[in-house]
């Protein structure tokens, strides 16, 4: 936890916050904090600043806080991601939040198993929990928007063209395609497929919507690795 993120419910006054649960445990066991310590803090959806630990006990902590710093800017990208395996989904959500992606669309694909859509990790509270962990890691306060699209064809035909309008549209896909560009200086819409990649029909439909296939080389990457590699290359 590189940033102690505070929720609205944590505040007991304008400049005082009380902590319990996971964050309190982290203060005790990882930070090994003591009363009087200064900590980096941020308000979810707001600014960052400093907190001074006024009280630290076994069941709660109380901080005096002030905020005067904006969070880091987001990447100019919309990321479309075929729904990964549930365990991988948690890691991907943390990565997306940590790397500054402002909008994530979790999308169906032929190779996405139907059971993946039944995972409790897709519940709003679970998604938010993983995004918060990513923000804490990267020192950010602004939650990404997460959109769930269970029907591939209606989304790609009806919504994707407008979503990708005035952006560089790319489909990460292994094969005989141009290399993924580097250090792009314009907004991007990027689609990353499931394990095994998109099927040809899906690639064609995304091309019709304005996205062009690109590749990262001969190696076949795990979804979470592909997300990191493509974002790092593009920006």
C-alpha atoms as a PDB file:
ATOM      1  CA  UNK A   1       0.000   0.000   0.000  1.00  0.00           C
ATOM      2  CA  UNK A   2       1.831   3.083  -1.273  1.00  0.00           C
ATOM      3  CA  UNK A   3      -1.179   5.339  -0.709  1.00  0.00           C
ATOM      4  CA  UNK A   4      -3.695   5.104   2.116  1.00  0.00           C
ATOM      5  CA  UNK A   5      -7.019   5.577   0.333  1.00  0.00           C
ATOM      6  CA  UNK A   6      -9.893   7.006   2.349  1.00  0.00           C
ATOM      7  CA  UNK A   7     -13.591   6.539   1.635  1.00  0.00           C
ATOM      8  CA  UNK A   8     -16.271   9.108   2.472  1.00  0.00           C
ATOM      9  CA  UNK A   9     -17.472   6.853   5.288  1.00  0.00           C
ATOM     10  CA  UNK A  10     -14.032   7.025   6.945  1.00  0.00           C
ATOM     11  CA  UNK A  11     -14.340  10.734   7.761  1.00  0.00           C
ATOM     12  CA  UNK A  12     -15.539  11.737  11.210  1.00  0.00           C
ATOM     13  CA  UNK A  13     -14.939  15.431  10.447  1.00  0.00           C
ATOM     14  CA  UNK A  14     -13.530  17.489   7.584  1.00  0.00           C
ATOM     15  CA  UNK A  15      -9.923  16.744   8.552  1.00  0.00           C
ATOM     16  CA  UNK A  16     -10.235  13.558  10.623  1.00  0.00           C
ATOM     17  CA  UNK A  17     -10.574   9.954   9.463  1.00  0.00           C
ATOM     18  CA  UNK A  18     -10.964   6.672  11.341  1.00  0.00           C
ATOM     19  CA  UNK A  19      -9.755   3.342   9.955  1.00  0.00           C
ATOM     20  CA  UNK A  20     -10.615  -0.283  10.673  1.00  0.00           C
ATOM     21  CA  UNK A  21     -10.245  -3.618   8.896  1.00  0.00           C
ATOM     22  CA  UNK A  22      -7.740  -4.285   6.112  1.00  0.00           C
ATOM     23  CA  UNK A  23      -6.090  -0.864   6.117  1.00  0.00           C
ATOM     24  CA  UNK A  24      -5.692  -0.880   9.884  1.00  0.00           C
ATOM     25  CA  UNK A  25      -4.119  -4.337   9.692  1.00  0.00           C
ATOM     26  CA  UNK A  26      -1.734  -3.025   7.027  1.00  0.00           C
ATOM     27  CA  UNK A  27      -0.702  -0.125   9.261  1.00  0.00           C
ATOM     28  CA  UNK A  28       0.102  -2.546  12.073  1.00  0.00           C
ATOM     29  CA  UNK A  29       1.721  -5.410  10.183  1.00  0.00           C
ATOM     30  CA  UNK A  30       3.329  -3.846   7.100  1.00  0.00           C
ATOM     31  CA  UNK A  31       3.911  -0.177   7.854  1.00  0.00           C
ATOM     32  CA  UNK A  32       4.584  -0.936  11.534  1.00  0.00           C
ATOM     33  CA  UNK A  33       3.245   2.546  12.070  1.00  0.00           C
ATOM     34  CA  UNK A  34       3.339   4.465  15.312  1.00  0.00           C
ATOM     35  CA  UNK A  35       1.371   7.413  16.624  1.00  0.00           C
ATOM     36  CA  UNK A  36       2.755  10.630  15.166  1.00  0.00           C
ATOM     37  CA  UNK A  37       3.831   9.036  11.874  1.00  0.00           C
ATOM     38  CA  UNK A  38       3.128  10.872   8.624  1.00  0.00           C
ATOM     39  CA  UNK A  39       1.475   8.873   5.823  1.00  0.00           C
ATOM     40  CA  UNK A  40       0.582   9.546   2.186  1.00  0.00           C
ATOM     41  CA  UNK A  41      -3.196   9.640   1.910  1.00  0.00           C
ATOM     42  CA  UNK A  42      -5.784  10.123  -0.791  1.00  0.00           C
ATOM     43  CA  UNK A  43      -9.548  10.461  -0.955  1.00  0.00           C
ATOM     44  CA  UNK A  44     -11.267   8.113  -3.399  1.00  0.00           C
ATOM     45  CA  UNK A  45     -12.374  10.271  -6.308  1.00  0.00           C
ATOM     46  CA  UNK A  46     -10.509  13.287  -4.950  1.00  0.00           C
ATOM     47  CA  UNK A  47      -7.098  14.665  -4.119  1.00  0.00           C
ATOM     48  CA  UNK A  48      -4.019  13.313  -2.372  1.00  0.00           C
ATOM     49  CA  UNK A  49      -2.108  14.695   0.569  1.00  0.00           C
ATOM     50  CA  UNK A  50      -0.698  13.867   4.003  1.00  0.00           C
ATOM     51  CA  UNK A  51      -2.091  12.214   7.086  1.00  0.00           C
ATOM     52  CA  UNK A  52      -0.733  12.285  10.626  1.00  0.00           C
ATOM     53  CA  UNK A  53      -1.492   9.294  12.817  1.00  0.00           C
ATOM     54  CA  UNK A  54      -3.147  10.643  15.958  1.00  0.00           C
ATOM     55  CA  UNK A  55      -4.170   7.344  17.497  1.00  0.00           C
ATOM     56  CA  UNK A  56      -3.312   3.730  16.707  1.00  0.00           C
ATOM     57  CA  UNK A  57      -4.986   0.925  18.615  1.00  0.00           C
ATOM     58  CA  UNK A  58      -5.793  -2.718  17.967  1.00  0.00           C
ATOM     59  CA  UNK A  59      -9.315  -2.012  16.723  1.00  0.00           C
ATOM     60  CA  UNK A  60      -9.016   1.390  15.026  1.00  0.00           C
ATOM     61  CA  UNK A  61      -6.748   4.219  13.953  1.00  0.00           C
ATOM     62  CA  UNK A  62      -7.439   7.945  13.748  1.00  0.00           C
ATOM     63  CA  UNK A  63      -5.668  10.363  11.406  1.00  0.00           C
ATOM     64  CA  UNK A  64      -5.537  14.089  10.823  1.00  0.00           C
ATOM     65  CA  UNK A  65      -5.547  14.616   7.052  1.00  0.00           C
ATOM     66  CA  UNK A  66      -5.094  17.379   4.500  1.00  0.00           C
ATOM     67  CA  UNK A  67      -5.326  17.233   0.704  1.00  0.00           C
ATOM     68  CA  UNK A  68      -3.506  19.527  -1.723  1.00  0.00           C
ATOM     69  CA  UNK A  69      -2.251  17.356  -4.607  1.00  0.00           C
ATOM     70  CA  UNK A  70      -4.111  16.194  -7.718  1.00  0.00           C
ATOM     71  CA  UNK A  71      -3.900  12.507  -8.664  1.00  0.00           C
ATOM     72  CA  UNK A  72      -1.771  11.505 -11.666  1.00  0.00           C
ATOM     73  CA  UNK A  73      -3.314  11.826 -15.107  1.00  0.00           C
ATOM     74  CA  UNK A  74      -4.956   8.881 -16.824  1.00  0.00           C
ATOM     75  CA  UNK A  75      -3.853   7.275 -20.087  1.00  0.00           C
ATOM     76  CA  UNK A  76      -5.896   8.337 -23.150  1.00  0.00           C
ATOM     77  CA  UNK A  77      -7.197   4.819 -23.742  1.00  0.00           C
ATOM     78  CA  UNK A  78     -10.302   2.671 -23.672  1.00  0.00           C
ATOM     79  CA  UNK A  79      -9.355  -0.964 -23.068  1.00  0.00           C
ATOM     80  CA  UNK A  80     -11.584  -3.750 -24.376  1.00  0.00           C
ATOM     81  CA  UNK A  81     -10.737  -7.032 -22.711  1.00  0.00           C
ATOM     82  CA  UNK A  82     -12.247 -10.445 -23.351  1.00  0.00           C
ATOM     83  CA  UNK A  83     -13.297 -11.651 -19.913  1.00  0.00           C
ATOM     84  CA  UNK A  84     -10.340 -13.592 -18.445  1.00  0.00           C
ATOM     85  CA  UNK A  85     -10.387 -16.462 -15.979  1.00  0.00           C
ATOM     86  CA  UNK A  86     -11.709 -15.361 -12.576  1.00  0.00           C
ATOM     87  CA  UNK A  87      -8.378 -15.607 -10.747  1.00  0.00           C
ATOM     88  CA  UNK A  88      -6.655 -13.700 -13.543  1.00  0.00           C
ATOM     89  CA  UNK A  89      -9.450 -11.127 -13.594  1.00  0.00           C
ATOM     90  CA  UNK A  90      -8.516  -9.922 -10.123  1.00  0.00           C
ATOM     91  CA  UNK A  91      -4.897  -9.352 -11.126  1.00  0.00           C
ATOM     92  CA  UNK A  92      -5.895  -7.659 -14.379  1.00  0.00           C
ATOM     93  CA  UNK A  93      -8.222  -5.251 -12.571  1.00  0.00           C
ATOM     94  CA  UNK A  94      -5.403  -4.252 -10.244  1.00  0.00           C
ATOM     95  CA  UNK A  95      -3.042  -3.788 -13.211  1.00  0.00           C
ATOM     96  CA  UNK A  96      -5.543  -1.686 -15.151  1.00  0.00           C
ATOM     97  CA  UNK A  97      -6.087   0.617 -12.174  1.00  0.00           C
ATOM     98  CA  UNK A  98      -2.364   0.854 -11.390  1.00  0.00           C
ATOM     99  CA  UNK A  99      -1.416   1.745 -14.961  1.00  0.00           C
ATOM    100  CA  UNK A 100      -3.959   4.545 -15.278  1.00  0.00           C
ATOM    101  CA  UNK A 101      -6.564   3.087 -17.646  1.00  0.00           C
ATOM    102  CA  UNK A 102      -9.706   5.232 -17.276  1.00  0.00           C
ATOM    103  CA  UNK A 103     -12.201   2.880 -18.962  1.00  0.00           C
ATOM    104  CA  UNK A 104     -12.314  -0.905 -19.165  1.00  0.00           C
ATOM    105  CA  UNK A 105     -14.871  -2.908 -21.132  1.00  0.00           C
ATOM    106  CA  UNK A 106     -15.105  -6.585 -20.150  1.00  0.00           C
ATOM    107  CA  UNK A 107     -16.329  -8.284 -23.287  1.00  0.00           C
ATOM    108  CA  UNK A 108     -17.604 -11.688 -24.286  1.00  0.00           C
ATOM    109  CA  UNK A 109     -15.796 -13.800 -26.878  1.00  0.00           C
ATOM    110  CA  UNK A 110     -16.237 -17.228 -28.415  1.00  0.00           C
ATOM    111  CA  UNK A 111     -13.331 -18.536 -26.338  1.00  0.00           C
ATOM    112  CA  UNK A 112     -14.608 -17.112 -23.063  1.00  0.00           C
ATOM    113  CA  UNK A 113     -16.115 -19.966 -21.062  1.00  0.00           C
ATOM    114  CA  UNK A 114     -19.721 -19.352 -20.030  1.00  0.00           C
ATOM    115  CA  UNK A 115     -18.879 -20.206 -16.426  1.00  0.00           C
ATOM    116  CA  UNK A 116     -16.584 -17.163 -16.232  1.00  0.00           C
ATOM    117  CA  UNK A 117     -19.634 -14.891 -16.277  1.00  0.00           C
ATOM    118  CA  UNK A 118     -20.952 -16.537 -13.099  1.00  0.00           C
ATOM    119  CA  UNK A 119     -17.949 -15.641 -10.956  1.00  0.00           C
ATOM    120  CA  UNK A 120     -18.594 -13.522  -7.837  1.00  0.00           C
ATOM    121  CA  UNK A 121     -15.489 -11.548  -8.842  1.00  0.00           C
ATOM    122  CA  UNK A 122     -17.719  -9.736 -11.367  1.00  0.00           C
ATOM    123  CA  UNK A 123     -19.905  -8.302  -8.624  1.00  0.00           C
ATOM    124  CA  UNK A 124     -19.554  -4.536  -8.306  1.00  0.00           C
ATOM    125  CA  UNK A 125     -18.110  -4.695  -4.784  1.00  0.00           C
ATOM    126  CA  UNK A 126     -15.496  -7.254  -5.815  1.00  0.00           C
ATOM    127  CA  UNK A 127     -14.447  -5.270  -8.900  1.00  0.00           C
ATOM    128  CA  UNK A 128     -14.139  -2.128  -6.794  1.00  0.00           C
ATOM    129  CA  UNK A 129     -12.011  -3.922  -4.205  1.00  0.00           C
ATOM    130  CA  UNK A 130      -9.445  -4.958  -6.823  1.00  0.00           C
ATOM    131  CA  UNK A 131      -9.412  -1.509  -8.424  1.00  0.00           C
ATOM    132  CA  UNK A 132      -8.754   0.062  -5.016  1.00  0.00           C
ATOM    133  CA  UNK A 133      -5.763  -2.252  -4.510  1.00  0.00           C
ATOM    134  CA  UNK A 134      -4.367  -1.113  -7.870  1.00  0.00           C
ATOM    135  CA  UNK A 135      -4.869   2.552  -7.003  1.00  0.00           C
ATOM    136  CA  UNK A 136      -3.120   2.089  -3.666  1.00  0.00           C
ATOM    137  CA  UNK A 137      -0.150   0.534  -5.439  1.00  0.00           C
ATOM    138  CA  UNK A 138       0.182   3.331  -8.006  1.00  0.00           C
ATOM    139  CA  UNK A 139      -0.752   6.293  -5.765  1.00  0.00           C
ATOM    140  CA  UNK A 140      -3.930   7.246  -7.575  1.00  0.00           C
ATOM    141  CA  UNK A 141      -7.421   8.115  -6.353  1.00  0.00           C
ATOM    142  CA  UNK A 142      -9.615   7.953  -9.469  1.00  0.00           C
ATOM    143  CA  UNK A 143     -11.421   4.674 -10.064  1.00  0.00           C
ATOM    144  CA  UNK A 144     -11.583   3.413 -13.656  1.00  0.00           C
ATOM    145  CA  UNK A 145     -14.988   2.978 -15.229  1.00  0.00           C
ATOM    146  CA  UNK A 146     -15.728  -0.723 -15.758  1.00  0.00           C
ATOM    147  CA  UNK A 147     -18.380  -1.718 -18.331  1.00  0.00           C
ATOM    148  CA  UNK A 148     -19.591  -5.307 -18.695  1.00  0.00           C
ATOM    149  CA  UNK A 149     -20.718  -6.434 -22.147  1.00  0.00           C
ATOM    150  CA  UNK A 150     -21.943 -10.036 -22.314  1.00  0.00           C
ATOM    151  CA  UNK A 151     -22.992  -9.914 -25.992  1.00  0.00           C
ATOM    152  CA  UNK A 152     -20.136  -9.496 -28.441  1.00  0.00           C
ATOM    153  CA  UNK A 153     -21.964  -8.788 -31.707  1.00  0.00           C
ATOM    154  CA  UNK A 154     -24.413  -6.094 -30.499  1.00  0.00           C
ATOM    155  CA  UNK A 155     -21.617  -4.289 -28.690  1.00  0.00           C
ATOM    156  CA  UNK A 156     -19.195  -4.371 -31.627  1.00  0.00           C
ATOM    157  CA  UNK A 157     -21.821  -3.411 -34.192  1.00  0.00           C
ATOM    158  CA  UNK A 158     -23.814  -0.825 -32.226  1.00  0.00           C
ATOM    159  CA  UNK A 159     -21.468   0.743 -29.672  1.00  0.00           C
ATOM    160  CA  UNK A 160     -17.866   0.142 -30.645  1.00  0.00           C
ATOM    161  CA  UNK A 161     -17.787   2.358 -33.781  1.00  0.00           C
ATOM    162  CA  UNK A 162     -18.830   5.384 -31.738  1.00  0.00           C
ATOM    163  CA  UNK A 163     -16.553   4.412 -28.833  1.00  0.00           C
ATOM    164  CA  UNK A 164     -13.559   4.174 -31.180  1.00  0.00           C
ATOM    165  CA  UNK A 165     -14.389   7.300 -33.167  1.00  0.00           C
ATOM    166  CA  UNK A 166     -11.480   9.790 -33.325  1.00  0.00           C
ATOM    167  CA  UNK A 167      -9.113   7.264 -31.697  1.00  0.00           C
ATOM    168  CA  UNK A 168      -6.458   4.887 -32.974  1.00  0.00           C
ATOM    169  CA  UNK A 169      -8.275   1.544 -32.904  1.00  0.00           C
ATOM    170  CA  UNK A 170      -6.115  -1.539 -32.348  1.00  0.00           C
ATOM    171  CA  UNK A 171      -6.725  -5.264 -31.839  1.00  0.00           C
ATOM    172  CA  UNK A 172      -3.928  -7.146 -30.125  1.00  0.00           C
ATOM    173  CA  UNK A 173      -3.761 -10.452 -31.984  1.00  0.00           C
ATOM    174  CA  UNK A 174      -0.949 -12.888 -32.857  1.00  0.00           C
ATOM    175  CA  UNK A 175      -0.320 -13.445 -36.533  1.00  0.00           C
ATOM    176  CA  UNK A 176       1.044 -11.838 -39.661  1.00  0.00           C
ATOM    177  CA  UNK A 177       0.005  -8.308 -38.724  1.00  0.00           C
ATOM    178  CA  UNK A 178       1.913  -5.030 -38.327  1.00  0.00           C
ATOM    179  CA  UNK A 179       3.840  -4.565 -35.106  1.00  0.00           C
ATOM    180  CA  UNK A 180       2.093  -2.658 -32.365  1.00  0.00           C
ATOM    181  CA  UNK A 181       3.075   1.019 -32.605  1.00  0.00           C
ATOM    182  CA  UNK A 182       5.147   2.721 -29.922  1.00  0.00           C
ATOM    183  CA  UNK A 183       4.706   5.945 -27.961  1.00  0.00           C
ATOM    184  CA  UNK A 184       1.397   6.886 -29.572  1.00  0.00           C
ATOM    185  CA  UNK A 185       0.373  10.506 -29.028  1.00  0.00           C
ATOM    186  CA  UNK A 186      -3.348  10.259 -29.597  1.00  0.00           C
ATOM    187  CA  UNK A 187      -6.300   8.531 -27.891  1.00  0.00           C
ATOM    188  CA  UNK A 188      -6.433   4.758 -28.353  1.00  0.00           C
ATOM    189  CA  UNK A 189      -9.091   2.065 -28.300  1.00  0.00           C
ATOM    190  CA  UNK A 190      -7.352  -1.262 -27.676  1.00  0.00           C
ATOM    191  CA  UNK A 191      -8.912  -4.743 -27.733  1.00  0.00           C
ATOM    192  CA  UNK A 192      -7.133  -7.707 -26.112  1.00  0.00           C
ATOM    193  CA  UNK A 193      -8.522 -11.194 -26.595  1.00  0.00           C
ATOM    194  CA  UNK A 194      -8.893 -14.248 -24.370  1.00  0.00           C
ATOM    195  CA  UNK A 195      -6.451 -17.106 -23.941  1.00  0.00           C
ATOM    196  CA  UNK A 196      -6.103 -18.503 -27.440  1.00  0.00           C
ATOM    197  CA  UNK A 197      -6.880 -15.134 -29.011  1.00  0.00           C
ATOM    198  CA  UNK A 198      -9.886 -13.777 -30.865  1.00  0.00           C
ATOM    199  CA  UNK A 199     -11.455 -16.001 -33.518  1.00  0.00           C
ATOM    200  CA  UNK A 200     -11.280 -14.699 -37.139  1.00  0.00           C
ATOM    201  CA  UNK A 201     -14.938 -13.614 -37.102  1.00  0.00           C
ATOM    202  CA  UNK A 202     -14.316 -11.427 -34.058  1.00  0.00           C
ATOM    203  CA  UNK A 203     -11.244  -9.835 -35.604  1.00  0.00           C
ATOM    204  CA  UNK A 204     -13.231  -9.088 -38.774  1.00  0.00           C
ATOM    205  CA  UNK A 205     -16.092  -7.511 -36.829  1.00  0.00           C
ATOM    206  CA  UNK A 206     -13.702  -5.275 -34.912  1.00  0.00           C
ATOM    207  CA  UNK A 207     -12.007  -4.288 -38.166  1.00  0.00           C
ATOM    208  CA  UNK A 208     -15.418  -3.250 -39.484  1.00  0.00           C
ATOM    209  CA  UNK A 209     -15.780  -1.083 -36.369  1.00  0.00           C
ATOM    210  CA  UNK A 210     -12.476   0.674 -37.125  1.00  0.00           C
ATOM    211  CA  UNK A 211      -9.898  -1.367 -35.175  1.00  0.00           C
ATOM    212  CA  UNK A 212      -6.803  -2.772 -36.905  1.00  0.00           C
ATOM    213  CA  UNK A 213      -4.943  -5.946 -35.792  1.00  0.00           C
ATOM    214  CA  UNK A 214      -1.400  -5.575 -34.437  1.00  0.00           C
ATOM    215  CA  UNK A 215       1.003  -8.051 -32.857  1.00  0.00           C
ATOM    216  CA  UNK A 216       3.778  -8.091 -30.264  1.00  0.00           C
ATOM    217  CA  UNK A 217       5.953 -10.741 -31.859  1.00  0.00           C
ATOM    218  CA  UNK A 218       6.101 -14.519 -31.958  1.00  0.00           C
ATOM    219  CA  UNK A 219       5.585 -15.159 -28.254  1.00  0.00           C
ATOM    220  CA  UNK A 220       2.120 -16.037 -26.992  1.00  0.00           C
ATOM    221  CA  UNK A 221       1.456 -14.079 -23.800  1.00  0.00           C
ATOM    222  CA  UNK A 222      -0.898 -14.527 -20.900  1.00  0.00           C
ATOM    223  CA  UNK A 223      -3.692 -11.972 -20.841  1.00  0.00           C
ATOM    224  CA  UNK A 224      -2.311 -10.061 -17.864  1.00  0.00           C
ATOM    225  CA  UNK A 225       1.160  -9.966 -19.463  1.00  0.00           C
ATOM    226  CA  UNK A 226      -0.281  -8.793 -22.778  1.00  0.00           C
ATOM    227  CA  UNK A 227      -2.156  -5.972 -21.029  1.00  0.00           C
ATOM    228  CA  UNK A 228       1.013  -4.726 -19.341  1.00  0.00           C
ATOM    229  CA  UNK A 229       3.185  -5.140 -22.438  1.00  0.00           C
ATOM    230  CA  UNK A 230       0.791  -3.357 -24.794  1.00  0.00           C
ATOM    231  CA  UNK A 231       0.132  -0.451 -22.461  1.00  0.00           C
ATOM    232  CA  UNK A 232       3.841   0.015 -21.813  1.00  0.00           C
ATOM    233  CA  UNK A 233       4.597  -0.061 -25.542  1.00  0.00           C
ATOM    234  CA  UNK A 234       1.796   2.289 -26.579  1.00  0.00           C
ATOM    235  CA  UNK A 235       2.578   4.920 -23.958  1.00  0.00           C
END
